[in-house]
Protein backbone atom coordinates (compact mmCIF):
# COMPACT_ATOMS: atom_id res chain seq x y z
CA MET A 1 -148.86 222.95 87.59
CA ASN A 2 -150.95 223.40 90.71
CA LYS A 3 -153.53 220.90 92.01
CA LYS A 4 -156.55 222.50 90.34
CA GLU A 5 -154.88 222.44 86.93
CA ARG A 6 -153.82 218.78 87.42
CA ILE A 7 -157.37 217.82 88.35
CA LYS A 8 -158.68 219.65 85.25
CA GLU A 9 -156.11 217.82 83.17
CA ILE A 10 -157.37 214.44 84.55
CA LYS A 11 -160.95 215.43 83.75
CA LEU A 12 -159.91 216.30 80.20
CA LEU A 13 -158.07 212.98 79.76
CA LYS A 14 -161.07 211.09 81.14
CA LYS A 15 -163.38 212.86 78.59
CA GLU A 16 -160.95 211.88 75.80
CA GLY A 17 -161.33 208.32 76.79
CA TYR A 18 -158.04 207.56 78.55
CA SER A 19 -158.08 204.60 80.91
CA ILE A 20 -157.32 204.99 84.59
CA LYS A 21 -154.13 203.05 84.13
CA LYS A 22 -152.99 205.36 81.39
CA ILE A 23 -153.78 208.46 83.55
CA ILE A 24 -151.82 207.02 86.42
CA SER A 25 -148.93 206.21 84.12
CA GLU A 26 -148.89 209.91 83.20
CA GLY A 27 -147.88 210.67 86.81
CA PHE A 28 -151.12 211.62 88.52
CA THR A 29 -151.71 210.51 92.03
CA LYS A 30 -154.63 208.49 93.38
CA TYR A 31 -155.60 211.48 95.51
CA GLU A 32 -155.84 213.60 92.40
CA LEU A 33 -157.91 210.90 90.66
CA LEU A 34 -160.40 210.86 93.59
CA LYS A 35 -160.71 214.60 93.45
CA ALA A 36 -161.32 214.41 89.67
CA GLY A 37 -164.34 212.17 90.10
CA TYR A 38 -163.07 208.63 90.13
CA SER A 39 -164.44 206.39 92.82
CA LYS A 40 -162.46 204.30 95.35
CA LYS A 41 -163.85 201.26 93.60
CA ASP A 42 -162.22 202.31 90.29
CA LEU A 43 -158.88 202.59 92.07
CA TYR A 44 -159.33 199.32 93.95
CA ILE A 45 -159.88 197.50 90.63
CA ILE A 46 -156.55 198.82 89.41
CA ASN A 47 -154.67 197.45 92.41
CA GLN A 48 -156.09 193.96 92.14
CA LYS A 49 -153.58 191.33 91.00
CA LYS A 50 -154.58 188.59 88.77
CA THR A 51 -153.80 185.21 90.37
CA ASN A 52 -155.20 182.81 87.81
CA LEU A 53 -151.99 180.95 87.19
CA GLY A 54 -151.21 180.67 90.88
CA ILE A 55 -154.54 179.25 91.64
CA LEU A 56 -154.34 176.79 88.70
CA SER A 57 -150.83 175.78 90.02
CA ILE A 58 -152.39 175.04 93.41
CA ILE A 59 -155.21 173.06 91.82
CA PHE A 60 -152.86 170.91 89.80
CA ALA A 61 -150.65 170.33 92.89
CA CYS A 62 -153.63 169.14 94.89
CA GLY A 63 -154.69 166.99 92.01
CA SER A 64 -151.26 165.41 91.95
CA LEU A 65 -151.93 163.89 95.33
CA PHE A 66 -154.50 161.50 93.78
CA LEU A 67 -154.07 161.30 90.08
CA LEU A 68 -150.97 161.17 87.81
CA PRO A 69 -148.57 162.82 90.28
CA PRO A 70 -145.63 163.32 87.90
CA PHE A 71 -147.70 164.94 85.19
CA LEU A 72 -149.95 167.17 87.25
CA GLY A 73 -147.00 168.10 89.46
CA LEU A 74 -144.95 169.12 86.39
CA ALA A 75 -147.95 171.13 85.12
CA GLY A 76 -148.19 172.89 88.46
CA ILE A 77 -144.49 173.67 88.52
CA ILE A 78 -144.75 175.21 85.06
CA LEU A 79 -147.80 177.22 85.91
CA GLY A 80 -146.19 178.35 89.19
CA ILE A 81 -142.94 179.54 87.42
CA ILE A 82 -144.98 181.43 84.79
CA GLY A 83 -147.14 182.95 87.54
CA ILE A 84 -144.04 184.16 89.41
CA THR A 85 -142.52 185.71 86.21
CA LYS A 86 -145.83 187.53 85.69
CA ASN A 87 -145.72 188.92 89.36
CA GLU A 88 -148.80 187.09 90.48
CA GLY A 89 -147.63 187.17 94.13
CA ALA A 90 -147.97 184.67 96.82
CA THR A 91 -150.43 182.30 95.17
CA ALA A 92 -147.90 181.52 92.48
CA ILE A 93 -145.21 180.87 95.05
CA ILE A 94 -147.50 178.67 97.12
CA GLY A 95 -148.57 176.76 93.96
CA LEU A 96 -144.93 176.23 93.03
CA VAL A 97 -143.91 174.94 96.48
CA LEU A 98 -146.94 172.61 96.64
CA SER A 99 -146.24 171.42 93.08
CA PHE A 100 -142.82 170.24 94.30
CA ILE A 101 -144.07 168.57 97.44
CA PHE A 102 -147.50 167.05 96.62
CA PRO A 103 -146.39 164.82 93.67
CA PHE A 104 -143.96 162.93 95.97
CA ILE A 105 -146.67 162.52 98.54
CA GLY A 106 -149.00 161.35 95.84
CA MET A 107 -146.53 158.81 94.56
CA ILE A 108 -146.02 157.44 98.14
CA LEU A 109 -149.85 157.24 98.58
CA GLY A 110 -150.10 155.46 95.22
CA LEU A 111 -147.42 152.99 96.20
CA MET A 112 -149.08 152.30 99.54
CA VAL A 113 -152.40 151.67 97.91
CA TRP A 114 -150.77 149.46 95.33
CA VAL A 115 -148.91 147.42 97.87
CA TYR A 116 -151.85 146.92 100.26
CA LEU A 117 -154.52 145.98 97.70
């Protein structure tokens, strides 16, 4: 199939209501999608990774510095592991590492406040 036929095929799939992800899974390239009328913004949205679990893991890790370090740290560790298994990238890894470190720092800070009050 030559390039013009492939672009016509993409336009046909687009009219039939196929999503961009489905069209890419059929083996069409991003260049062909651009030629078929999709915008760069459409292709950018496909490449974005969701990082919700990684960000939540970081938030729980930071919260464990000041409030309930073992519980928030454990929640951050669980969210970080789930984020890594869902390929959320660097934010999940950062959240996991911080969730291991910050609870210990939080417990030390809590001990220091308790002793010196």
